[in-house]
Amino acid sequence: MIDLYVYYKVRAENAARLEPVVRAMQARVEANLGVAGRLQRRPAECNGVQTWMEVYSSVTDEFAKSLEQAARDAGVHHLVEGGARHGEVFTDFTACA
């Protein structure tokens, strides 16, 4: 299992329109795939741009593909700066023996 972090930039003027779109997408993902996501953002803006982060814990490697399809279906990319969402994968730390 992995933890998936998806981050992207959002213009401040698009934030109020994008938030309900992302939350609705996350609700559909939870209903269809059984994975609850969290939505976070950095507290400060830079030049009118916010950084947002979706967090999905303990998911399979295949989940990322399903999530990106859900984001496309929801139209998330249309309100993301440059249309780009970036995923990062982390696993629990285990010490080498």
PDB file of N, CA and C in Angstrom:
ATOM      1  N   MET A   1       0.833  -1.185   0.000  1.00  0.00           N
ATOM      2  CA  MET A   1       0.000   0.000   0.000  1.00  0.00           C
ATOM      3  C   MET A   1       0.881   1.254   0.000  1.00  0.00           C
ATOM      4  N   ILE A   2       0.358   2.303  -0.584  1.00  0.00           N
ATOM      5  CA  ILE A   2       1.074   3.571  -0.702  1.00  0.00           C
ATOM      6  C   ILE A   2       0.203   4.708  -0.195  1.00  0.00           C
ATOM      7  N   ASP A   3       0.817   5.845   0.031  1.00  0.00           N
ATOM      8  CA  ASP A   3       0.091   7.094   0.266  1.00  0.00           C
ATOM      9  C   ASP A   3       0.335   7.953  -0.960  1.00  0.00           C
ATOM     10  N   LEU A   4      -0.737   8.513  -1.510  1.00  0.00           N
ATOM     11  CA  LEU A   4      -0.655   9.314  -2.725  1.00  0.00           C
ATOM     12  C   LEU A   4      -0.953  10.771  -2.390  1.00  0.00           C
ATOM     13  N   TYR A   5      -0.051  11.654  -2.819  1.00  0.00           N
ATOM     14  CA  TYR A   5      -0.194  13.092  -2.632  1.00  0.00           C
ATOM     15  C   TYR A   5      -0.262  13.726  -4.020  1.00  0.00           C
ATOM     16  N   VAL A   6      -1.335  14.443  -4.299  1.00  0.00           N
ATOM     17  CA  VAL A   6      -1.507  15.084  -5.600  1.00  0.00           C
ATOM     18  C   VAL A   6      -1.565  16.590  -5.351  1.00  0.00           C
ATOM     19  N   TYR A   7      -0.612  17.305  -5.942  1.00  0.00           N
ATOM     20  CA  TYR A   7      -0.572  18.757  -5.721  1.00  0.00           C
ATOM     21  C   TYR A   7      -0.690  19.492  -7.046  1.00  0.00           C
ATOM     22  N   TYR A   8      -1.189  20.716  -6.945  1.00  0.00           N
ATOM     23  CA  TYR A   8      -1.382  21.545  -8.136  1.00  0.00           C
ATOM     24  C   TYR A   8      -1.574  22.986  -7.715  1.00  0.00           C
ATOM     25  N   LYS A   9      -1.434  23.879  -8.695  1.00  0.00           N
ATOM     26  CA  LYS A   9      -1.572  25.318  -8.470  1.00  0.00           C
ATOM     27  C   LYS A   9      -2.966  25.767  -8.904  1.00  0.00           C
ATOM     28  N   VAL A  10      -3.523  26.699  -8.156  1.00  0.00           N
ATOM     29  CA  VAL A  10      -4.860  27.226  -8.423  1.00  0.00           C
ATOM     30  C   VAL A  10      -4.824  28.745  -8.290  1.00  0.00           C
ATOM     31  N   ARG A  11      -5.288  29.447  -9.296  1.00  0.00           N
ATOM     32  CA  ARG A  11      -5.403  30.904  -9.194  1.00  0.00           C
ATOM     33  C   ARG A  11      -6.452  31.213  -8.131  1.00  0.00           C
ATOM     34  N   ALA A  12      -6.170  32.216  -7.318  1.00  0.00           N
ATOM     35  CA  ALA A  12      -7.072  32.568  -6.215  1.00  0.00           C
ATOM     36  C   ALA A  12      -8.489  32.828  -6.713  1.00  0.00           C
ATOM     37  N   GLU A  13      -8.625  33.427  -7.897  1.00  0.00           N
ATOM     38  CA  GLU A  13      -9.971  33.716  -8.406  1.00  0.00           C
ATOM     39  C   GLU A  13     -10.721  32.452  -8.843  1.00  0.00           C
ATOM     40  N   ASN A  14     -10.026  31.327  -8.990  1.00  0.00           N
ATOM     41  CA  ASN A  14     -10.686  30.063  -9.353  1.00  0.00           C
ATOM     42  C   ASN A  14     -10.960  29.173  -8.146  1.00  0.00           C
ATOM     43  N   ALA A  15     -10.433  29.529  -6.976  1.00  0.00           N
ATOM     44  CA  ALA A  15     -10.530  28.669  -5.793  1.00  0.00           C
ATOM     45  C   ALA A  15     -11.970  28.362  -5.402  1.00  0.00           C
ATOM     46  N   ALA A  16     -12.823  29.360  -5.367  1.00  0.00           N
ATOM     47  CA  ALA A  16     -14.215  29.147  -4.938  1.00  0.00           C
ATOM     48  C   ALA A  16     -14.971  28.248  -5.920  1.00  0.00           C
ATOM     49  N   ARG A  17     -14.590  28.283  -7.185  1.00  0.00           N
ATOM     50  CA  ARG A  17     -15.232  27.405  -8.186  1.00  0.00           C
ATOM     51  C   ARG A  17     -14.667  25.996  -8.143  1.00  0.00           C
ATOM     52  N   LEU A  18     -13.355  25.876  -7.869  1.00  0.00           N
ATOM     53  CA  LEU A  18     -12.712  24.568  -7.910  1.00  0.00           C
ATOM     54  C   LEU A  18     -13.001  23.727  -6.678  1.00  0.00           C
ATOM     55  N   GLU A  19     -13.066  24.337  -5.509  1.00  0.00           N
ATOM     56  CA  GLU A  19     -13.247  23.549  -4.278  1.00  0.00           C
ATOM     57  C   GLU A  19     -14.448  22.609  -4.349  1.00  0.00           C
ATOM     58  N   PRO A  20     -15.654  23.068  -4.707  1.00  0.00           N
ATOM     59  CA  PRO A  20     -16.772  22.124  -4.745  1.00  0.00           C
ATOM     60  C   PRO A  20     -16.596  21.040  -5.817  1.00  0.00           C
ATOM     61  N   VAL A  21     -15.891  21.350  -6.887  1.00  0.00           N
ATOM     62  CA  VAL A  21     -15.640  20.352  -7.932  1.00  0.00           C
ATOM     63  C   VAL A  21     -14.752  19.235  -7.382  1.00  0.00           C
ATOM     64  N   VAL A  22     -13.684  19.625  -6.681  1.00  0.00           N
ATOM     65  CA  VAL A  22     -12.771  18.627  -6.106  1.00  0.00           C
ATOM     66  C   VAL A  22     -13.474  17.827  -5.021  1.00  0.00           C
ATOM     67  N   ARG A  23     -14.220  18.503  -4.162  1.00  0.00           N
ATOM     68  CA  ARG A  23     -14.905  17.775  -3.078  1.00  0.00           C
ATOM     69  C   ARG A  23     -15.949  16.798  -3.636  1.00  0.00           C
ATOM     70  N   ALA A  24     -16.658  17.181  -4.680  1.00  0.00           N
ATOM     71  CA  ALA A  24     -17.624  16.269  -5.311  1.00  0.00           C
ATOM     72  C   ALA A  24     -16.904  15.085  -5.946  1.00  0.00           C
ATOM     73  N   MET A  25     -15.770  15.343  -6.589  1.00  0.00           N
ATOM     74  CA  MET A  25     -14.986  14.264  -7.169  1.00  0.00           C
ATOM     75  C   MET A  25     -14.516  13.308  -6.077  1.00  0.00           C
ATOM     76  N   GLN A  26     -14.035  13.851  -4.970  1.00  0.00           N
ATOM     77  CA  GLN A  26     -13.583  13.006  -3.877  1.00  0.00           C
ATOM     78  C   GLN A  26     -14.730  12.177  -3.300  1.00  0.00           C
ATOM     79  N   ALA A  27     -15.916  12.747  -3.229  1.00  0.00           N
ATOM     80  CA  ALA A  27     -17.080  11.994  -2.738  1.00  0.00           C
ATOM     81  C   ALA A  27     -17.402  10.846  -3.685  1.00  0.00           C
ATOM     82  N   ARG A  28     -17.313  11.090  -5.002  1.00  0.00           N
ATOM     83  CA  ARG A  28     -17.556  10.012  -5.972  1.00  0.00           C
ATOM     84  C   ARG A  28     -16.482   8.929  -5.875  1.00  0.00           C
ATOM     85  N   VAL A  29     -15.242   9.333  -5.699  1.00  0.00           N
ATOM     86  CA  VAL A  29     -14.151   8.369  -5.547  1.00  0.00           C
ATOM     87  C   VAL A  29     -14.382   7.517  -4.299  1.00  0.00           C
ATOM     88  N   GLU A  30     -14.791   8.152  -3.220  1.00  0.00           N
ATOM     89  CA  GLU A  30     -15.049   7.390  -1.995  1.00  0.00           C
ATOM     90  C   GLU A  30     -16.215   6.420  -2.197  1.00  0.00           C
ATOM     91  N   ALA A  31     -17.277   6.877  -2.845  1.00  0.00           N
ATOM     92  CA  ALA A  31     -18.437   6.012  -3.075  1.00  0.00           C
ATOM     93  C   ALA A  31     -18.106   4.856  -4.014  1.00  0.00           C
ATOM     94  N   ASN A  32     -17.312   5.133  -5.056  1.00  0.00           N
ATOM     95  CA  ASN A  32     -17.023   4.112  -6.066  1.00  0.00           C
ATOM     96  C   ASN A  32     -15.828   3.229  -5.740  1.00  0.00           C
ATOM     97  N   LEU A  33     -14.832   3.782  -5.070  1.00  0.00           N
ATOM     98  CA  LEU A  33     -13.589   3.037  -4.836  1.00  0.00           C
ATOM     99  C   LEU A  33     -13.302   2.789  -3.358  1.00  0.00           C
ATOM    100  N   GLY A  34     -14.107   3.389  -2.480  1.00  0.00           N
ATOM    101  CA  GLY A  34     -13.931   3.171  -1.049  1.00  0.00           C
ATOM    102  C   GLY A  34     -12.729   3.877  -0.447  1.00  0.00           C
ATOM    103  N   VAL A  35     -12.244   4.927  -1.123  1.00  0.00           N
ATOM    104  CA  VAL A  35     -11.072   5.661  -0.631  1.00  0.00           C
ATOM    105  C   VAL A  35     -11.472   7.105  -0.341  1.00  0.00           C
ATOM    106  N   ALA A  36     -11.309   7.497   0.909  1.00  0.00           N
ATOM    107  CA  ALA A  36     -11.596   8.876   1.305  1.00  0.00           C
ATOM    108  C   ALA A  36     -10.344   9.718   1.117  1.00  0.00           C
ATOM    109  N   GLY A  37     -10.522  10.892   0.541  1.00  0.00           N
ATOM    110  CA  GLY A  37      -9.402  11.800   0.343  1.00  0.00           C
ATOM    111  C   GLY A  37      -9.546  13.034   1.206  1.00  0.00           C
ATOM    112  N   ARG A  38      -8.412  13.691   1.435  1.00  0.00           N
ATOM    113  CA  ARG A  38      -8.419  14.971   2.133  1.00  0.00           C
ATOM    114  C   ARG A  38      -7.970  16.040   1.155  1.00  0.00           C
ATOM    115  N   LEU A  39      -8.486  17.241   1.322  1.00  0.00           N
ATOM    116  CA  LEU A  39      -8.092  18.379   0.507  1.00  0.00           C
ATOM    117  C   LEU A  39      -7.438  19.406   1.417  1.00  0.00           C
ATOM    118  N   GLN A  40      -6.218  19.817   1.061  1.00  0.00           N
ATOM    119  CA  GLN A  40      -5.485  20.795   1.844  1.00  0.00           C
ATOM    120  C   GLN A  40      -4.923  21.859   0.907  1.00  0.00           C
ATOM    121  N   ARG A  41      -4.476  22.952   1.500  1.00  0.00           N
ATOM    122  CA  ARG A  41      -3.777  23.973   0.710  1.00  0.00           C
ATOM    123  C   ARG A  41      -2.756  24.655   1.594  1.00  0.00           C
ATOM    124  N   ARG A  42      -1.764  25.223   0.934  1.00  0.00           N
ATOM    125  CA  ARG A  42      -0.790  26.007   1.689  1.00  0.00           C
ATOM    126  C   ARG A  42      -1.491  27.239   2.221  1.00  0.00           C
ATOM    127  N   PRO A  43      -1.100  27.705   3.406  1.00  0.00           N
ATOM    128  CA  PRO A  43      -1.797  28.845   4.001  1.00  0.00           C
ATOM    129  C   PRO A  43      -1.570  30.162   3.275  1.00  0.00           C
ATOM    130  N   ALA A  44      -0.482  30.286   2.545  1.00  0.00           N
ATOM    131  CA  ALA A  44      -0.178  31.563   1.888  1.00  0.00           C
ATOM    132  C   ALA A  44      -0.277  31.426   0.368  1.00  0.00           C
ATOM    133  N   GLU A  45      -0.646  32.524  -0.272  1.00  0.00           N
ATOM    134  CA  GLU A  45      -0.655  32.595  -1.731  1.00  0.00           C
ATOM    135  C   GLU A  45       0.653  33.233  -2.188  1.00  0.00           C
ATOM    136  N   CYS A  46       1.023  32.951  -3.415  1.00  0.00           N
ATOM    137  CA  CYS A  46       2.180  33.590  -4.012  1.00  0.00           C
ATOM    138  C   CYS A  46       1.761  34.136  -5.370  1.00  0.00           C
ATOM    139  N   ASN A  47       1.763  35.453  -5.496  1.00  0.00           N
ATOM    140  CA  ASN A  47       1.351  36.108  -6.742  1.00  0.00           C
ATOM    141  C   ASN A  47      -0.056  35.691  -7.181  1.00  0.00           C
ATOM    142  N   GLY A  48      -0.962  35.567  -6.215  1.00  0.00           N
ATOM    143  CA  GLY A  48      -2.344  35.227  -6.523  1.00  0.00           C
ATOM    144  C   GLY A  48      -2.582  33.770  -6.867  1.00  0.00           C
ATOM    145  N   VAL A  49      -1.614  32.914  -6.538  1.00  0.00           N
ATOM    146  CA  VAL A  49      -1.726  31.482  -6.829  1.00  0.00           C
ATOM    147  C   VAL A  49      -1.618  30.698  -5.529  1.00  0.00           C
ATOM    148  N   GLN A  50      -2.502  29.734  -5.361  1.00  0.00           N
ATOM    149  CA  GLN A  50      -2.495  28.853  -4.195  1.00  0.00           C
ATOM    150  C   GLN A  50      -1.956  27.484  -4.613  1.00  0.00           C
ATOM    151  N   THR A  51      -1.368  26.766  -3.660  1.00  0.00           N
ATOM    152  CA  THR A  51      -0.965  25.378  -3.878  1.00  0.00           C
ATOM    153  C   THR A  51      -1.912  24.487  -3.095  1.00  0.00           C
ATOM    154  N   TRP A  52      -2.551  23.570  -3.793  1.00  0.00           N
ATOM    155  CA  TRP A  52      -3.494  22.631  -3.182  1.00  0.00           C
ATOM    156  C   TRP A  52      -2.905  21.235  -3.185  1.00  0.00           C
ATOM    157  N   MET A  53      -3.367  20.426  -2.229  1.00  0.00           N
ATOM    158  CA  MET A  53      -2.901  19.057  -2.102  1.00  0.00           C
ATOM    159  C   MET A  53      -4.083  18.150  -1.771  1.00  0.00           C
ATOM    160  N   GLU A  54      -4.209  17.077  -2.541  1.00  0.00           N
ATOM    161  CA  GLU A  54      -5.143  16.006  -2.210  1.00  0.00           C
ATOM    162  C   GLU A  54      -4.318  14.874  -1.619  1.00  0.00           C
ATOM    163  N   VAL A  55      -4.812  14.267  -0.535  1.00  0.00           N
ATOM    164  CA  VAL A  55      -4.090  13.209   0.153  1.00  0.00           C
ATOM    165  C   VAL A  55      -4.979  11.972   0.212  1.00  0.00           C
ATOM    166  N   TYR A  56      -4.414  10.855  -0.236  1.00  0.00           N
ATOM    167  CA  TYR A  56      -5.109   9.562  -0.221  1.00  0.00           C
ATOM    168  C   TYR A  56      -4.181   8.556   0.443  1.00  0.00           C
ATOM    169  N   SER A  57      -4.596   8.036   1.590  1.00  0.00           N
ATOM    170  CA  SER A  57      -3.747   7.139   2.377  1.00  0.00           C
ATOM    171  C   SER A  57      -4.099   5.685   2.139  1.00  0.00           C
ATOM    172  N   SER A  58      -3.063   4.866   2.184  1.00  0.00           N
ATOM    173  CA  SER A  58      -3.199   3.406   2.103  1.00  0.00           C
ATOM    174  C   SER A  58      -3.986   2.964   0.881  1.00  0.00           C
ATOM    175  N   VAL A  59      -3.496   3.355  -0.289  1.00  0.00           N
ATOM    176  CA  VAL A  59      -4.146   2.983  -1.544  1.00  0.00           C
ATOM    177  C   VAL A  59      -3.216   2.071  -2.347  1.00  0.00           C
ATOM    178  N   THR A  60      -3.760   1.453  -3.372  1.00  0.00           N
ATOM    179  CA  THR A  60      -2.969   0.599  -4.245  1.00  0.00           C
ATOM    180  C   THR A  60      -2.299   1.440  -5.327  1.00  0.00           C
ATOM    181  N   ASP A  61      -1.333   0.867  -5.985  1.00  0.00           N
ATOM    182  CA  ASP A  61      -0.654   1.565  -7.086  1.00  0.00           C
ATOM    183  C   ASP A  61      -1.633   1.925  -8.197  1.00  0.00           C
ATOM    184  N   GLU A  62      -2.620   1.088  -8.436  1.00  0.00           N
ATOM    185  CA  GLU A  62      -3.585   1.317  -9.509  1.00  0.00           C
ATOM    186  C   GLU A  62      -4.550   2.456  -9.211  1.00  0.00           C
ATOM    187  N   PHE A  63      -4.676   2.813  -7.943  1.00  0.00           N
ATOM    188  CA  PHE A  63      -5.617   3.868  -7.553  1.00  0.00           C
ATOM    189  C   PHE A  63      -5.313   5.184  -8.262  1.00  0.00           C
ATOM    190  N   ALA A  64      -4.054   5.509  -8.459  1.00  0.00           N
ATOM    191  CA  ALA A  64      -3.674   6.790  -9.073  1.00  0.00           C
ATOM    192  C   ALA A  64      -4.295   6.944 -10.454  1.00  0.00           C
ATOM    193  N   LYS A  65      -4.322   5.880 -11.236  1.00  0.00           N
ATOM    194  CA  LYS A  65      -4.927   5.947 -12.572  1.00  0.00           C
ATOM    195  C   LYS A  65      -6.425   6.219 -12.476  1.00  0.00           C
ATOM    196  N   SER A  66      -7.089   5.533 -11.570  1.00  0.00           N
ATOM    197  CA  SER A  66      -8.529   5.744 -11.385  1.00  0.00           C
ATOM    198  C   SER A  66      -8.813   7.158 -10.908  1.00  0.00           C
ATOM    199  N   LEU A  67      -7.955   7.686 -10.034  1.00  0.00           N
ATOM    200  CA  LEU A  67      -8.138   9.043  -9.524  1.00  0.00           C
ATOM    201  C   LEU A  67      -7.982  10.062 -10.648  1.00  0.00           C
ATOM    202  N   GLU A  68      -6.992   9.899 -11.485  1.00  0.00           N
ATOM    203  CA  GLU A  68      -6.795  10.859 -12.575  1.00  0.00           C
ATOM    204  C   GLU A  68      -7.958  10.819 -13.560  1.00  0.00           C
ATOM    205  N   GLN A  69      -8.516   9.642 -13.792  1.00  0.00           N
ATOM    206  CA  GLN A  69      -9.685   9.566 -14.663  1.00  0.00           C
ATOM    207  C   GLN A  69     -10.868  10.286 -14.012  1.00  0.00           C
ATOM    208  N   ALA A  70     -11.035  10.104 -12.712  1.00  0.00           N
ATOM    209  CA  ALA A  70     -12.112  10.794 -11.991  1.00  0.00           C
ATOM    210  C   ALA A  70     -11.923  12.305 -12.061  1.00  0.00           C
ATOM    211  N   ALA A  71     -10.676  12.775 -11.962  1.00  0.00           N
ATOM    212  CA  ALA A  71     -10.396  14.215 -12.045  1.00  0.00           C
ATOM    213  C   ALA A  71     -10.725  14.743 -13.438  1.00  0.00           C
ATOM    214  N   ARG A  72     -10.361  13.993 -14.473  1.00  0.00           N
ATOM    215  CA  ARG A  72     -10.699  14.412 -15.841  1.00  0.00           C
ATOM    216  C   ARG A  72     -12.211  14.447 -16.033  1.00  0.00           C
ATOM    217  N   ASP A  73     -12.885  13.404 -15.572  1.00  0.00           N
ATOM    218  CA  ASP A  73     -14.346  13.339 -15.710  1.00  0.00           C
ATOM    219  C   ASP A  73     -15.025  14.509 -15.003  1.00  0.00           C
ATOM    220  N   ALA A  74     -14.468  14.941 -13.879  1.00  0.00           N
ATOM    221  CA  ALA A  74     -15.048  16.036 -13.090  1.00  0.00           C
ATOM    222  C   ALA A  74     -14.693  17.411 -13.645  1.00  0.00           C
ATOM    223  N   GLY A  75     -13.706  17.469 -14.543  1.00  0.00           N
ATOM    224  CA  GLY A  75     -13.292  18.750 -15.092  1.00  0.00           C
ATOM    225  C   GLY A  75     -12.346  19.535 -14.203  1.00  0.00           C
ATOM    226  N   VAL A  76     -11.683  18.849 -13.291  1.00  0.00           N
ATOM    227  CA  VAL A  76     -10.765  19.520 -12.369  1.00  0.00           C
ATOM    228  C   VAL A  76      -9.666  20.258 -13.138  1.00  0.00           C
ATOM    229  N   HIS A  77      -9.145  19.656 -14.172  1.00  0.00           N
ATOM    230  CA  HIS A  77      -8.011  20.229 -14.907  1.00  0.00           C
ATOM    231  C   HIS A  77      -8.317  21.602 -15.509  1.00  0.00           C
ATOM    232  N   HIS A  78      -9.582  21.864 -15.790  1.00  0.00           N
ATOM    233  CA  HIS A  78      -9.946  23.142 -16.403  1.00  0.00           C
ATOM    234  C   HIS A  78      -9.723  24.330 -15.476  1.00  0.00           C
ATOM    235  N   LEU A  79      -9.731  24.095 -14.176  1.00  0.00           N
ATOM    236  CA  LEU A  79      -9.558  25.175 -13.211  1.00  0.00           C
ATOM    237  C   LEU A  79      -8.196  25.158 -12.527  1.00  0.00           C
ATOM    238  N   VAL A  80      -7.372  24.179 -12.869  1.00  0.00           N
ATOM    239  CA  VAL A  80      -6.022  24.085 -12.314  1.00  0.00           C
ATOM    240  C   VAL A  80      -5.083  24.900 -13.193  1.00  0.00           C
ATOM    241  N   GLU A  81      -4.226  25.669 -12.578  1.00  0.00           N
ATOM    242  CA  GLU A  81      -3.267  26.499 -13.315  1.00  0.00           C
ATOM    243  C   GLU A  81      -2.408  25.606 -14.216  1.00  0.00           C
ATOM    244  N   GLY A  82      -2.473  25.845 -15.499  1.00  0.00           N
ATOM    245  CA  GLY A  82      -1.719  25.049 -16.455  1.00  0.00           C
ATOM    246  C   GLY A  82      -2.278  23.665 -16.689  1.00  0.00           C
ATOM    247  N   GLY A  83      -3.369  23.317 -16.006  1.00  0.00           N
ATOM    248  CA  GLY A  83      -4.003  22.010 -16.183  1.00  0.00           C
ATOM    249  C   GLY A  83      -3.228  20.840 -15.621  1.00  0.00           C
ATOM    250  N   ALA A  84      -2.142  21.101 -14.902  1.00  0.00           N
ATOM    251  CA  ALA A  84      -1.266  20.016 -14.445  1.00  0.00           C
ATOM    252  C   ALA A  84      -1.467  19.678 -12.973  1.00  0.00           C
ATOM    253  N   ARG A  85      -1.691  18.398 -12.724  1.00  0.00           N
ATOM    254  CA  ARG A  85      -1.724  17.840 -11.362  1.00  0.00           C
ATOM    255  C   ARG A  85      -0.521  16.908 -11.255  1.00  0.00           C
ATOM    256  N   HIS A  86       0.177  16.986 -10.125  1.00  0.00           N
ATOM    257  CA  HIS A  86       1.402  16.204  -9.942  1.00  0.00           C
ATOM    258  C   HIS A  86       1.218  15.244  -8.779  1.00  0.00           C
ATOM    259  N   GLY A  87       1.444  13.975  -9.029  1.00  0.00           N
ATOM    260  CA  GLY A  87       1.309  12.969  -7.986  1.00  0.00           C
ATOM    261  C   GLY A  87       2.657  12.546  -7.433  1.00  0.00           C
ATOM    262  N   GLU A  88       2.691  12.347  -6.144  1.00  0.00           N
ATOM    263  CA  GLU A  88       3.878  11.821  -5.459  1.00  0.00           C
ATOM    264  C   GLU A  88       3.428  10.646  -4.610  1.00  0.00           C
ATOM    265  N   VAL A  89       4.241   9.604  -4.591  1.00  0.00           N
ATOM    266  CA  VAL A  89       3.925   8.386  -3.854  1.00  0.00           C
ATOM    267  C   VAL A  89       4.918   8.229  -2.706  1.00  0.00           C
ATOM    268  N   PHE A  90       4.402   7.906  -1.535  1.00  0.00           N
ATOM    269  CA  PHE A  90       5.241   7.626  -0.372  1.00  0.00           C
ATOM    270  C   PHE A  90       4.799   6.307   0.248  1.00  0.00           C
ATOM    271  N   THR A  91       5.745   5.626   0.867  1.00  0.00           N
ATOM    272  CA  THR A  91       5.448   4.405   1.595  1.00  0.00           C
ATOM    273  C   THR A  91       5.951   4.565   3.017  1.00  0.00           C
ATOM    274  N   ASP A  92       5.495   3.671   3.900  1.00  0.00           N
ATOM    275  CA  ASP A  92       5.978   3.703   5.275  1.00  0.00           C
ATOM    276  C   ASP A  92       7.466   3.392   5.287  1.00  0.00           C
ATOM    277  N   PHE A  93       8.175   4.043   6.169  1.00  0.00           N
ATOM    278  CA  PHE A  93       9.606   3.838   6.293  1.00  0.00           C
ATOM    279  C   PHE A  93       9.870   2.516   7.002  1.00  0.00           C
ATOM    280  N   THR A  94      10.736   1.713   6.417  1.00  0.00           N
ATOM    281  CA  THR A  94      11.183   0.488   7.096  1.00  0.00           C
ATOM    282  C   THR A  94      12.707   0.506   7.080  1.00  0.00           C
ATOM    283  N   ALA A  95      13.265   0.244   8.232  1.00  0.00           N
ATOM    284  CA  ALA A  95      14.730   0.239   8.360  1.00  0.00           C
ATOM    285  C   ALA A  95      15.309  -1.005   7.690  1.00  0.00           C
ATOM    286  N   CYS A  96      16.432  -0.837   7.051  1.00  0.00           N
ATOM    287  CA  CYS A  96      17.119  -1.975   6.451  1.00  0.00           C
ATOM    288  C   CYS A  96      17.771  -2.801   7.549  1.00  0.00           C
ATOM    289  N   ALA A  97      17.730  -4.107   7.409  1.00  0.00           N
ATOM    290  CA  ALA A  97      18.335  -4.994   8.432  1.00  0.00           C
ATOM    291  C   ALA A  97      19.808  -5.181   8.168  1.00  0.00           C
TER     292      ALA A  97
END
